[in-house]
């Protein structure tokens, strides 16, 4: 049995492997809290809401640390009291297990 997503480490992905199927993505999605798949199951997203700018920016800084540590970087949009985070694996034009590992680690930042 594999360890929980948040306890795994991202593996380098330079392409050459297939993206997760919609079914595989849905199975991994069940291990996350409040994340959504886009219509094509190529992107994973969640909008985190905070009480004020300072808390939002603290989250963004922690998110950047996680992404850099895992070498798997999301796209995100930041506003006064929220941060919309989107993961996809660009090298395979879809989702990989790395996206779900990072999403689980980001969830752990904001219990």
N, C-alpha and C. Protein backbone atom coordinates (compact mmCIF):
# COMPACT_ATOMS: atom_id res chain seq x y z
N UNK A 1 0.84 -1.18 0.00
CA UNK A 1 0.00 0.00 0.00
C UNK A 1 0.88 1.25 0.00
N UNK A 2 0.56 2.20 -0.86
CA UNK A 2 1.33 3.45 -0.95
C UNK A 2 1.05 4.34 0.24
N UNK A 3 2.05 5.13 0.65
CA UNK A 3 1.79 6.09 1.73
C UNK A 3 0.83 7.19 1.26
N UNK A 4 0.27 7.89 2.22
CA UNK A 4 -0.64 9.00 1.90
C UNK A 4 0.04 9.96 0.94
N UNK A 5 -0.74 10.60 0.10
CA UNK A 5 -0.19 11.52 -0.91
C UNK A 5 0.74 12.55 -0.30
N UNK A 6 0.35 13.14 0.82
CA UNK A 6 1.15 14.20 1.44
C UNK A 6 2.50 13.69 1.94
N UNK A 7 2.65 12.37 2.07
CA UNK A 7 3.92 11.79 2.53
C UNK A 7 4.81 11.31 1.39
N UNK A 8 4.35 11.50 0.16
CA UNK A 8 5.13 11.08 -1.01
C UNK A 8 5.94 12.26 -1.54
N UNK A 9 6.87 11.96 -2.41
CA UNK A 9 7.74 12.97 -3.03
C UNK A 9 7.49 12.95 -4.54
N UNK A 10 7.41 14.13 -5.13
CA UNK A 10 7.23 14.22 -6.59
C UNK A 10 8.42 13.61 -7.31
N UNK A 11 8.12 12.97 -8.43
CA UNK A 11 9.15 12.39 -9.28
C UNK A 11 9.30 13.24 -10.53
N UNK A 12 10.52 13.43 -11.02
CA UNK A 12 10.71 14.25 -12.22
C UNK A 12 9.86 13.71 -13.37
N UNK A 13 9.28 14.62 -14.13
CA UNK A 13 8.46 14.24 -15.28
C UNK A 13 8.82 15.16 -16.45
N UNK A 14 9.53 14.60 -17.41
CA UNK A 14 9.93 15.35 -18.59
C UNK A 14 9.13 14.93 -19.82
N UNK A 15 8.00 14.28 -19.58
CA UNK A 15 7.18 13.79 -20.69
C UNK A 15 7.45 12.33 -20.94
N UNK A 16 6.89 11.83 -22.01
CA UNK A 16 7.12 10.44 -22.39
C UNK A 16 6.27 9.44 -21.62
N UNK A 17 5.42 9.91 -20.74
CA UNK A 17 4.50 9.04 -20.02
C UNK A 17 3.09 9.58 -20.23
N UNK A 18 2.10 8.71 -20.18
CA UNK A 18 0.74 9.20 -20.38
C UNK A 18 0.22 9.97 -19.16
N UNK A 19 -0.66 10.92 -19.42
CA UNK A 19 -1.35 11.61 -18.34
C UNK A 19 -2.31 10.62 -17.68
N UNK A 20 -2.70 10.92 -16.45
CA UNK A 20 -3.68 10.08 -15.77
C UNK A 20 -5.01 10.10 -16.52
N UNK A 21 -5.68 8.99 -16.53
CA UNK A 21 -7.02 8.94 -17.10
C UNK A 21 -7.98 9.65 -16.15
N UNK A 22 -9.17 9.96 -16.64
CA UNK A 22 -10.18 10.59 -15.79
C UNK A 22 -10.47 9.71 -14.57
N UNK A 23 -10.54 8.41 -14.76
CA UNK A 23 -10.83 7.49 -13.66
C UNK A 23 -9.70 7.50 -12.63
N UNK A 24 -8.46 7.46 -13.10
CA UNK A 24 -7.32 7.50 -12.18
C UNK A 24 -7.30 8.83 -11.41
N UNK A 25 -7.59 9.91 -12.10
CA UNK A 25 -7.62 11.22 -11.46
C UNK A 25 -8.72 11.28 -10.40
N UNK A 26 -9.87 10.74 -10.71
CA UNK A 26 -10.98 10.75 -9.73
C UNK A 26 -10.64 9.94 -8.48
N UNK A 27 -9.94 8.82 -8.66
CA UNK A 27 -9.53 8.02 -7.50
C UNK A 27 -8.60 8.82 -6.59
N UNK A 28 -7.65 9.52 -7.18
CA UNK A 28 -6.73 10.34 -6.38
C UNK A 28 -7.44 11.55 -5.80
N UNK A 29 -8.39 12.11 -6.53
CA UNK A 29 -9.15 13.27 -6.06
C UNK A 29 -9.87 12.95 -4.75
N UNK A 30 -10.30 11.71 -4.58
CA UNK A 30 -10.98 11.30 -3.36
C UNK A 30 -10.10 11.44 -2.12
N UNK A 31 -8.79 11.53 -2.30
CA UNK A 31 -7.86 11.66 -1.18
C UNK A 31 -7.59 13.12 -0.82
N UNK A 32 -8.19 14.05 -1.56
CA UNK A 32 -7.97 15.48 -1.34
C UNK A 32 -9.21 16.13 -0.74
N UNK A 33 -9.05 17.35 -0.27
CA UNK A 33 -10.13 18.08 0.37
C UNK A 33 -10.55 19.30 -0.45
N UNK A 34 -11.66 19.17 -1.19
CA UNK A 34 -12.22 20.33 -1.88
C UNK A 34 -11.61 20.70 -3.21
N UNK A 35 -10.73 19.89 -3.76
CA UNK A 35 -10.15 20.15 -5.06
C UNK A 35 -11.11 19.70 -6.14
N UNK A 36 -11.00 20.30 -7.33
CA UNK A 36 -11.88 19.97 -8.44
C UNK A 36 -11.06 19.69 -9.69
N UNK A 37 -11.59 18.80 -10.53
CA UNK A 37 -11.01 18.55 -11.85
C UNK A 37 -11.71 19.46 -12.86
N UNK A 38 -10.97 19.90 -13.87
CA UNK A 38 -11.62 20.64 -14.95
C UNK A 38 -12.37 19.63 -15.83
N UNK A 39 -13.09 20.13 -16.83
CA UNK A 39 -13.93 19.29 -17.67
C UNK A 39 -13.19 18.20 -18.42
N UNK A 40 -11.93 18.43 -18.72
CA UNK A 40 -11.15 17.44 -19.46
C UNK A 40 -10.28 16.57 -18.56
N UNK A 41 -10.35 16.79 -17.26
CA UNK A 41 -9.52 16.07 -16.28
C UNK A 41 -8.04 16.28 -16.56
N UNK A 42 -7.69 17.52 -16.98
CA UNK A 42 -6.29 17.86 -17.25
C UNK A 42 -5.73 18.84 -16.22
N UNK A 43 -6.60 19.33 -15.34
CA UNK A 43 -6.18 20.34 -14.37
C UNK A 43 -6.93 20.14 -13.06
N UNK A 44 -6.23 20.39 -11.98
CA UNK A 44 -6.74 20.26 -10.63
C UNK A 44 -6.72 21.65 -10.02
N UNK A 45 -7.82 22.09 -9.38
CA UNK A 45 -7.83 23.44 -8.83
C UNK A 45 -8.60 23.51 -7.52
N UNK A 46 -8.25 24.56 -6.75
CA UNK A 46 -8.94 24.85 -5.49
C UNK A 46 -8.72 26.32 -5.16
N UNK A 47 -9.77 26.97 -4.71
CA UNK A 47 -9.69 28.37 -4.29
C UNK A 47 -9.68 28.40 -2.76
N UNK A 48 -8.56 28.82 -2.19
CA UNK A 48 -8.40 28.92 -0.75
C UNK A 48 -8.81 30.33 -0.32
N UNK A 49 -9.63 30.44 0.72
CA UNK A 49 -10.12 31.72 1.20
C UNK A 49 -9.57 31.98 2.60
N UNK A 50 -9.17 33.24 2.83
CA UNK A 50 -8.53 33.62 4.09
C UNK A 50 -9.18 34.88 4.67
N UNK A 51 -8.88 35.15 5.93
CA UNK A 51 -9.34 36.37 6.59
C UNK A 51 -8.26 37.42 6.44
N UNK A 52 -8.25 38.08 5.31
CA UNK A 52 -7.34 39.19 5.12
C UNK A 52 -6.10 38.90 4.30
N UNK A 53 -5.47 39.98 3.90
CA UNK A 53 -4.32 39.95 3.01
C UNK A 53 -3.11 39.24 3.62
N UNK A 54 -2.80 39.54 4.88
CA UNK A 54 -1.62 38.96 5.51
C UNK A 54 -1.67 37.43 5.51
N UNK A 55 -2.81 36.87 5.88
CA UNK A 55 -2.95 35.41 5.90
C UNK A 55 -2.86 34.83 4.49
N UNK A 56 -3.42 35.54 3.53
CA UNK A 56 -3.33 35.09 2.13
C UNK A 56 -1.87 35.03 1.70
N UNK A 57 -1.12 36.07 1.99
CA UNK A 57 0.28 36.12 1.57
C UNK A 57 1.13 35.10 2.32
N UNK A 58 0.82 34.83 3.58
CA UNK A 58 1.54 33.79 4.32
C UNK A 58 1.33 32.44 3.64
N UNK A 59 0.08 32.19 3.22
CA UNK A 59 -0.22 30.95 2.51
C UNK A 59 0.55 30.88 1.19
N UNK A 60 0.56 31.98 0.44
CA UNK A 60 1.25 32.02 -0.85
C UNK A 60 2.74 31.71 -0.66
N UNK A 61 3.34 32.28 0.36
CA UNK A 61 4.76 32.01 0.62
C UNK A 61 5.00 30.55 0.97
N UNK A 62 4.11 29.96 1.77
CA UNK A 62 4.24 28.54 2.11
C UNK A 62 4.02 27.67 0.87
N UNK A 63 3.04 28.05 0.05
CA UNK A 63 2.77 27.35 -1.20
C UNK A 63 4.02 27.37 -2.10
N UNK A 64 4.65 28.51 -2.20
CA UNK A 64 5.86 28.62 -3.02
C UNK A 64 6.97 27.72 -2.49
N UNK A 65 7.08 27.63 -1.17
CA UNK A 65 8.11 26.77 -0.57
C UNK A 65 7.84 25.31 -0.92
N UNK A 66 6.59 24.87 -0.78
CA UNK A 66 6.23 23.48 -1.11
C UNK A 66 6.52 23.21 -2.58
N UNK A 67 6.07 24.09 -3.46
CA UNK A 67 6.25 23.89 -4.90
C UNK A 67 7.73 23.81 -5.26
N UNK A 68 8.52 24.69 -4.70
CA UNK A 68 9.95 24.68 -4.99
C UNK A 68 10.61 23.43 -4.44
N UNK A 69 10.23 23.03 -3.25
CA UNK A 69 10.79 21.83 -2.63
C UNK A 69 10.46 20.57 -3.43
N UNK A 70 9.27 20.54 -4.01
CA UNK A 70 8.84 19.38 -4.81
C UNK A 70 9.25 19.51 -6.28
N UNK A 71 9.72 20.68 -6.68
CA UNK A 71 10.06 20.98 -8.07
C UNK A 71 8.87 20.71 -8.99
N UNK A 72 7.70 21.12 -8.51
CA UNK A 72 6.46 20.97 -9.26
C UNK A 72 5.62 22.20 -8.96
N UNK A 73 5.48 23.07 -9.94
CA UNK A 73 4.99 24.42 -9.70
C UNK A 73 3.59 24.65 -10.26
N UNK A 74 2.69 25.17 -9.41
CA UNK A 74 1.32 25.45 -9.87
C UNK A 74 1.22 26.82 -10.51
N UNK A 75 0.11 27.05 -11.14
CA UNK A 75 -0.29 28.40 -11.51
C UNK A 75 -1.21 28.85 -10.38
N UNK A 76 -1.11 30.11 -9.99
CA UNK A 76 -2.02 30.58 -8.97
C UNK A 76 -2.34 32.05 -9.18
N UNK A 77 -3.53 32.42 -8.71
CA UNK A 77 -4.00 33.79 -8.77
C UNK A 77 -4.27 34.23 -7.34
N UNK A 78 -3.77 35.41 -6.98
CA UNK A 78 -3.87 35.89 -5.62
C UNK A 78 -4.70 37.16 -5.57
N UNK A 79 -5.62 37.19 -4.62
CA UNK A 79 -6.40 38.39 -4.34
C UNK A 79 -6.27 38.73 -2.87
N UNK A 80 -6.97 39.73 -2.45
CA UNK A 80 -6.89 40.20 -1.06
C UNK A 80 -7.09 39.06 -0.05
N UNK A 81 -8.11 38.25 -0.25
CA UNK A 81 -8.42 37.22 0.74
C UNK A 81 -8.58 35.82 0.15
N UNK A 82 -7.94 35.58 -1.00
CA UNK A 82 -8.03 34.23 -1.56
C UNK A 82 -6.83 33.95 -2.47
N UNK A 83 -6.62 32.66 -2.70
CA UNK A 83 -5.59 32.21 -3.64
C UNK A 83 -6.14 31.01 -4.40
N UNK A 84 -6.32 31.17 -5.69
CA UNK A 84 -6.77 30.10 -6.57
C UNK A 84 -5.53 29.36 -7.06
N UNK A 85 -5.46 28.06 -6.76
CA UNK A 85 -4.29 27.24 -7.10
C UNK A 85 -4.70 26.24 -8.17
N UNK A 86 -3.88 26.13 -9.22
CA UNK A 86 -4.14 25.16 -10.29
C UNK A 86 -2.88 24.34 -10.54
N UNK A 87 -3.05 23.03 -10.53
CA UNK A 87 -1.95 22.12 -10.85
C UNK A 87 -2.26 21.39 -12.15
N UNK A 88 -1.24 21.22 -12.96
CA UNK A 88 -1.25 20.36 -14.13
C UNK A 88 0.21 20.02 -14.42
N UNK A 89 0.45 18.97 -15.16
CA UNK A 89 1.81 18.62 -15.54
C UNK A 89 1.96 18.99 -17.02
N UNK A 90 2.59 20.12 -17.25
CA UNK A 90 2.69 20.66 -18.61
C UNK A 90 3.40 19.71 -19.57
N UNK A 91 4.40 18.98 -19.09
CA UNK A 91 5.18 18.10 -19.96
C UNK A 91 4.34 16.98 -20.58
N UNK A 92 3.20 16.65 -19.96
CA UNK A 92 2.35 15.59 -20.50
C UNK A 92 0.95 16.10 -20.85
N UNK A 93 0.77 17.41 -20.77
CA UNK A 93 -0.51 18.04 -21.10
C UNK A 93 -1.67 17.39 -20.37
N UNK A 94 -1.50 17.20 -19.07
CA UNK A 94 -2.55 16.59 -18.26
C UNK A 94 -2.07 16.42 -16.83
N UNK A 95 -2.76 15.57 -16.12
CA UNK A 95 -2.45 15.36 -14.71
C UNK A 95 -1.53 14.16 -14.51
N UNK A 96 -0.64 14.32 -13.53
CA UNK A 96 0.22 13.23 -13.09
C UNK A 96 0.01 13.07 -11.58
N UNK A 97 0.56 12.03 -11.02
CA UNK A 97 0.47 11.85 -9.57
C UNK A 97 1.11 13.02 -8.84
N UNK A 98 2.12 13.66 -9.44
CA UNK A 98 2.77 14.82 -8.82
C UNK A 98 1.77 15.91 -8.48
N UNK A 99 0.80 16.14 -9.35
CA UNK A 99 -0.20 17.17 -9.10
C UNK A 99 -0.98 16.88 -7.82
N UNK A 100 -1.30 15.64 -7.60
CA UNK A 100 -2.08 15.24 -6.43
C UNK A 100 -1.22 15.23 -5.17
N UNK A 101 0.04 14.86 -5.31
CA UNK A 101 0.96 14.92 -4.17
C UNK A 101 1.10 16.37 -3.70
N UNK A 102 1.31 17.28 -4.63
CA UNK A 102 1.46 18.68 -4.25
C UNK A 102 0.15 19.25 -3.69
N UNK A 103 -0.97 18.88 -4.28
CA UNK A 103 -2.26 19.36 -3.76
C UNK A 103 -2.45 18.89 -2.32
N UNK A 104 -2.09 17.67 -2.01
CA UNK A 104 -2.20 17.16 -0.64
C UNK A 104 -1.30 17.92 0.30
N UNK A 105 -0.11 18.26 -0.15
CA UNK A 105 0.82 19.04 0.69
C UNK A 105 0.31 20.45 0.89
N UNK A 106 -0.31 21.02 -0.12
CA UNK A 106 -0.88 22.36 0.01
C UNK A 106 -2.08 22.30 0.97
N UNK A 107 -2.90 21.27 0.88
CA UNK A 107 -4.00 21.10 1.84
C UNK A 107 -3.49 21.10 3.27
N UNK A 108 -2.35 20.46 3.49
CA UNK A 108 -1.79 20.37 4.85
C UNK A 108 -1.38 21.75 5.39
N UNK A 109 -1.15 22.71 4.51
CA UNK A 109 -0.80 24.07 4.94
C UNK A 109 -1.99 24.80 5.53
N UNK A 110 -3.19 24.41 5.14
CA UNK A 110 -4.41 25.11 5.51
C UNK A 110 -5.45 24.10 6.01
N UNK A 111 -5.23 23.54 7.21
CA UNK A 111 -6.12 22.48 7.70
C UNK A 111 -7.54 22.94 7.94
